[in-house]
Every structure is written in structure tokens, then in C-alpha cells.
Amino acid sequence: MWWKDFLYFQRGSKVAVILLLILIMLTLIFNAFIININSSEIVLQHNDSIINEFEAISIQRRNNTQSGNYANSKKNLDYKDSTYNASTRSTVENQKGYTNTNYIRVEKLSPGEKISLNTSDTTEWKKIPGIGSSYSSRIVNYRALLGGYAHKEQLLEVYGIDAEMYSRISSYIEEDSSYTKIDINNLEFRNLLRHPYLNYSQVLVIVNLRDKKGDITSINELAMFEEFTSNDISRLQPYLGF
């Protein structure tokens, strides 16, 4: 049997085989066509998404650029406005006698003018050339602790006031007698201790002396104790009331 015998078909079979081959070819062609169309759609869709993303990025960058330019322009305008306002405000304040927006310029005393040592407030003290807010507050606060200044030389005890500064301001200060004496025989321990010129051991001497002998009648009684130096007695003398 030859191989040709296997390929021998009757007429009807040949027609069927030929039709089958045609159908297979058509199916293959159709599938190829469908695959080509689908791949084209995928590519187009992919390209469309890329284009859309690119356009979105471009729009965002353009908006950011415009926003940045607007912000910079606004910043420049704000800076110009602030500079203009500051300059205008400074000019107006200088015309009205202001040194800045918070403090009114204080007119200083002329040579020969004086303020009271014990009755002047911080505003009056700031009129002395060289005295500002800090020094005036210190002077008034220390005066309150003392009960008033007995002598203007006591200003040398205020923090920050040295001999040079005192020599410059002393001519503007007038002494007065508006200071308070210490009621040494009636004040309690803690009240005596509040005075800057009395320390703990000195107050203890005063209280013990009162308990032993009664009222203290003279500062000389305190001078007998080693707790009180001659300098202490000199400073205390104007303030002790018997």
C-alpha cells in the first residue's frame, strides 16, 4: 500500500475537505484581524492615557507657575506697602514727637531743672538725661523698699548706677524729707526684716532687746552690739523712730 492510497478520497469527501480547509483559513484570517484591532485599541487607549497625564501635568505646572508669579507679585506688593507704611508712619510719628509706635518721646530736663527725690514717679525720673525705663523703675522700686530716700547719695545703691552716672544725674535731683521712719518698738519680726538695711541677725537683736528691757530709746543701744557696724548705724539713723 502506497501513501497515495491514504490521500485518496471520493468526490464527496474531497469537497468536504476543501470546504473544511476554507473554513479554517477564514477562521485564521478573522482571528488575526480581531487581534490586530484589539492591539490597536489597547495602544490607542494607552496613548490616550499618556496624553491625558501629560496634559494634566502641563496644566498643573502652568497653574503653579501662575500661582508662584502671583505670590511673588503679592509679596513684592506687600513689601512695598509695608515699606511705604513704615516710612509714612515714621514720618508722621516724628512730626508728632514719637520715637516709635510704642513709646512717647519724653522731653528731657534742661540744666537747672530738678525733680523731687521721693515724690517723683517713673515718668518724671525718665526726664533726667541718661535715665530710661529700666533705671526709673529700679529707683522707684528701691525707694519703696526703703520707705523713701533720706539722701540722694542712696541712689548709688540702686543696681546699675555707679559714681559716674550719679555725678551726671545728681544735679537734676532735689532732696526732700518725704521718707518713712521704722517703728522699731512695735513692728513685728518679719516686717522689720523687709527693710533693706536690716538683716536677720540684726532684727533678732532688736526683738530680743525689746523683750528684755522694753522699748529701745536710742540708736546707741544698738551700736553696742557687734551685729551693728558703724556704717550700719549711720545708714539706719535717719530711718529709726523711737
Protein backbone atom coordinates (compact mmCIF):
# COMPACT_ATOMS: atom_id res chain seq x y z
CA MET A 1 0.00 0.00 0.00
CA TRP A 2 1.39 3.32 -1.07
CA TRP A 3 0.99 6.56 0.74
CA LYS A 4 -1.17 7.85 -2.10
CA ASP A 5 -3.75 5.33 -1.05
CA PHE A 6 -4.16 7.29 2.22
CA LEU A 7 -4.90 10.51 0.27
CA TYR A 8 -7.45 9.00 -1.95
CA PHE A 9 -10.87 10.50 -1.40
CA GLN A 10 -14.11 10.07 -3.08
CA ARG A 11 -15.56 13.11 -4.83
CA GLY A 12 -17.93 13.95 -1.99
CA SER A 13 -15.16 13.64 0.56
CA LYS A 14 -12.88 15.90 -1.46
CA VAL A 15 -15.50 18.65 -1.48
CA ALA A 16 -15.95 18.37 2.27
CA VAL A 17 -12.21 18.53 2.89
CA ILE A 18 -11.84 21.56 0.67
CA LEU A 19 -14.70 23.36 2.47
CA LEU A 20 -13.16 22.49 5.80
CA LEU A 21 -9.80 23.95 4.74
CA ILE A 22 -11.51 27.11 3.51
CA LEU A 23 -13.33 27.50 6.83
CA ILE A 24 -10.04 27.00 8.73
CA MET A 25 -8.31 29.64 6.62
CA LEU A 26 -11.17 32.07 7.06
CA THR A 27 -11.13 31.47 10.81
CA LEU A 28 -7.40 32.13 11.00
CA ILE A 29 -7.72 35.32 8.95
CA PHE A 30 -10.63 36.53 11.06
CA ASN A 31 -8.75 35.85 14.32
CA ALA A 32 -5.70 37.68 13.02
CA PHE A 33 -7.87 40.65 12.08
CA ILE A 34 -9.56 40.73 15.50
CA ILE A 35 -6.22 40.56 17.34
CA ASN A 36 -4.85 43.42 15.24
CA ILE A 37 -7.90 45.57 16.01
CA ASN A 38 -7.69 44.83 19.76
CA SER A 39 -3.98 45.61 19.93
CA SER A 40 -4.59 48.88 18.10
CA GLU A 41 -7.32 49.81 20.59
CA ILE A 42 -5.00 48.99 23.50
CA VAL A 43 -2.24 51.09 22.05
CA LEU A 44 -4.66 53.92 21.37
CA GLN A 45 -6.08 53.71 24.88
CA HIS A 46 -2.58 53.61 26.36
CA ASN A 47 -1.53 56.55 24.24
CA ASP A 48 -4.67 58.45 25.26
CA SER A 49 -3.90 57.91 28.96
CA ILE A 50 -0.32 59.12 28.46
CA ILE A 51 -1.54 62.18 26.58
CA ASN A 52 -4.11 62.90 29.29
CA GLU A 53 -1.48 62.61 32.04
CA PHE A 54 0.91 64.82 30.10
CA GLU A 55 -1.77 67.45 29.61
CA ALA A 56 -2.69 67.28 33.33
CA ILE A 57 0.96 67.75 34.33
CA SER A 58 1.31 70.65 31.89
CA ILE A 59 -1.80 72.33 33.29
CA GLN A 60 -0.58 71.82 36.86
CA ARG A 61 2.84 73.27 36.08
CA ARG A 62 1.23 76.22 34.35
CA ASN A 63 -1.05 76.82 37.33
CA ASN A 64 1.89 76.52 39.76
CA THR A 65 3.88 78.98 37.71
CA GLN A 66 1.00 81.42 37.65
CA SER A 67 0.44 80.94 41.39
CA GLY A 68 4.13 81.44 42.08
CA ASN A 69 4.18 84.59 39.99
CA TYR A 70 1.08 85.82 41.77
CA ALA A 71 2.56 85.01 45.19
CA ASN A 72 5.82 86.75 44.31
CA SER A 73 3.94 89.72 42.95
CA LYS A 74 1.78 89.85 46.07
CA LYS A 75 4.85 89.51 48.28
CA ASN A 76 6.55 92.34 46.45
CA LEU A 77 3.43 94.47 46.72
CA ASP A 78 3.09 93.64 50.43
CA TYR A 79 6.75 94.51 50.97
CA LYS A 80 6.35 97.79 49.12
CA ASP A 81 3.18 98.55 51.08
CA SER A 82 4.84 97.69 54.40
CA THR A 83 7.88 99.76 53.49
CA TYR A 84 5.68 102.63 52.44
CA ASN A 85 3.52 102.34 55.57
CA ALA A 86 6.58 102.10 57.84
CA SER A 87 8.16 105.09 56.14
CA THR A 88 4.93 107.08 56.25
CA ARG A 89 4.27 106.08 59.86
CA SER A 90 7.82 107.03 60.87
CA THR A 91 7.44 110.43 59.20
CA VAL A 92 4.09 111.06 60.87
CA GLU A 93 5.38 109.93 64.26
CA ASN A 94 8.43 112.14 64.01
CA GLN A 95 6.19 115.08 63.16
CA LYS A 96 4.02 114.29 66.21
CA GLY A 97 7.00 113.80 68.53
CA TYR A 98 7.04 110.00 68.66
CA THR A 99 10.22 107.94 68.68
CA ASN A 100 8.38 104.70 67.78
CA THR A 101 4.93 103.14 67.83
CA ASN A 102 5.03 102.06 71.49
CA TYR A 103 6.64 104.87 73.46
CA ILE A 104 6.00 108.57 73.58
CA ARG A 105 9.20 110.57 73.49
CA VAL A 106 9.93 112.08 76.90
CA GLU A 107 11.19 115.63 76.98
CA LYS A 108 14.41 115.75 79.00
CA LEU A 109 15.12 118.25 81.72
CA SER A 110 17.21 121.27 80.95
CA PRO A 111 20.18 122.23 83.18
CA GLY A 112 18.84 123.82 86.37
CA GLU A 113 15.54 121.90 86.31
CA LYS A 114 15.00 119.38 89.11
CA ILE A 115 12.66 116.61 90.21
CA SER A 116 11.77 115.54 93.75
CA LEU A 117 13.76 112.64 95.19
CA ASN A 118 10.79 110.93 96.87
CA THR A 119 7.62 112.19 95.20
CA SER A 120 8.56 111.83 91.52
CA ASP A 121 7.15 108.85 89.63
CA THR A 122 8.85 106.86 86.86
CA THR A 123 7.70 109.30 84.19
CA GLU A 124 9.40 112.19 86.00
CA TRP A 125 12.58 110.17 86.54
CA LYS A 126 12.80 109.42 82.82
CA LYS A 127 13.05 113.15 82.17
CA ILE A 128 16.58 113.12 83.60
CA PRO A 129 19.15 112.71 80.78
CA GLY A 130 20.56 109.20 80.91
CA ILE A 131 17.60 107.71 82.81
CA GLY A 132 15.32 105.36 80.88
CA SER A 133 12.53 102.96 81.76
CA SER A 134 14.75 100.36 83.46
CA TYR A 135 16.60 102.80 85.72
CA SER A 136 13.47 104.74 86.63
CA SER A 137 11.70 101.51 87.66
CA ARG A 138 14.67 100.38 89.77
CA ILE A 139 14.91 103.76 91.51
CA VAL A 140 11.21 103.84 92.38
CA ASN A 141 11.10 100.18 93.47
CA TYR A 142 14.12 100.53 95.76
CA ARG A 143 12.64 103.75 97.19
CA ALA A 144 9.50 101.79 98.11
CA LEU A 145 11.58 99.19 99.97
CA LEU A 146 13.46 101.86 101.92
CA GLY A 147 10.36 103.87 102.69
CA GLY A 148 11.93 106.77 100.78
CA TYR A 149 15.41 108.16 100.26
CA ALA A 150 16.92 110.12 103.14
CA HIS A 151 19.74 111.33 100.88
CA LYS A 152 20.16 111.29 97.14
CA GLU A 153 23.52 109.53 97.55
CA GLN A 154 21.48 106.41 98.27
CA LEU A 155 20.86 106.21 94.54
CA LEU A 156 24.34 104.66 94.35
CA GLU A 157 22.75 101.59 95.98
CA VAL A 158 20.42 101.13 93.01
CA TYR A 159 21.65 98.41 90.68
CA GLY A 160 23.44 99.83 87.65
CA ILE A 161 24.01 103.35 88.99
CA ASP A 162 27.73 103.93 89.50
CA ALA A 163 29.65 107.02 90.58
CA GLU A 164 29.97 108.33 87.04
CA MET A 165 26.27 108.05 86.35
CA TYR A 166 25.38 109.53 89.72
CA SER A 167 27.57 112.56 89.04
CA ARG A 168 25.65 113.16 85.80
CA ILE A 169 22.15 112.89 87.28
CA SER A 170 22.53 114.28 90.81
CA SER A 171 22.21 117.90 89.72
CA TYR A 172 18.67 117.17 88.47
CA ILE A 173 17.50 115.78 91.84
CA GLU A 174 16.23 117.74 94.82
CA GLU A 175 16.19 116.12 98.25
CA ASP A 176 13.11 116.18 100.47
CA SER A 177 12.02 114.73 103.79
CA SER A 178 9.21 112.55 102.45
CA TYR A 179 10.52 109.25 103.72
CA THR A 180 9.10 106.88 106.34
CA LYS A 181 10.74 106.00 109.67
CA ILE A 182 10.79 102.46 111.07
CA ASP A 183 8.64 101.96 114.17
CA ILE A 184 11.37 99.90 115.77
CA ASN A 185 9.49 99.16 119.02
CA ASN A 186 6.21 97.97 117.51
CA LEU A 187 6.92 96.30 114.16
CA GLU A 188 6.95 92.52 114.10
CA PHE A 189 10.00 90.48 113.20
CA ARG A 190 9.02 89.84 109.57
CA ASN A 191 8.11 93.49 108.96
CA LEU A 192 11.46 94.71 110.32
CA LEU A 193 13.23 92.17 108.13
CA ARG A 194 11.71 93.70 104.99
CA HIS A 195 13.84 96.82 105.31
CA PRO A 196 16.97 96.66 103.08
CA TYR A 197 19.20 97.97 105.90
CA LEU A 198 18.30 95.23 108.41
CA ASN A 199 19.39 91.59 108.17
CA TYR A 200 18.20 88.57 110.13
CA SER A 201 20.74 88.74 112.95
CA GLN A 202 20.15 92.47 113.44
CA VAL A 203 16.39 92.05 113.63
CA LEU A 204 16.90 89.24 116.12
CA VAL A 205 18.96 91.60 118.32
CA ILE A 206 16.22 94.24 118.18
CA VAL A 207 13.45 91.79 119.11
CA ASN A 208 15.45 90.22 121.95
CA LEU A 209 16.42 93.64 123.29
CA ARG A 210 12.78 94.72 123.32
CA ASP A 211 11.80 91.55 125.14
CA LYS A 212 14.47 92.02 127.81
CA LYS A 213 14.27 95.75 128.57
CA GLY A 214 11.23 97.09 126.83
CA ASP A 215 11.27 99.90 124.31
CA ILE A 216 14.51 100.92 122.65
CA THR A 217 15.02 104.64 123.22
CA SER A 218 18.22 105.37 121.31
CA ILE A 219 20.20 104.07 118.38
CA ASN A 220 23.20 103.99 120.69
CA GLU A 221 21.69 100.92 122.34
CA LEU A 222 22.01 99.06 119.04
CA ALA A 223 25.54 100.36 118.47
CA MET A 224 26.67 98.33 121.49
CA PHE A 225 26.04 95.07 119.64
CA GLU A 226 28.60 93.64 117.23
CA GLU A 227 25.85 92.90 114.71
CA PHE A 228 25.65 96.64 114.03
CA THR A 229 28.71 98.25 112.48
CA SER A 230 29.30 101.99 112.43
CA ASN A 231 28.26 102.01 108.80
CA ASP A 232 25.02 100.20 109.67
CA ILE A 233 24.25 102.72 112.40
CA SER A 234 24.93 105.63 110.04
CA ARG A 235 22.58 104.24 107.39
CA LEU A 236 19.84 103.33 109.87
CA GLN A 237 19.83 106.54 111.90
CA PRO A 238 17.50 108.53 109.59
CA TYR A 239 15.01 105.65 109.49
CA LEU A 240 14.69 104.66 113.16
CA GLY A 241 11.75 106.03 115.06
CA PHE A 242 11.63 105.61 118.86
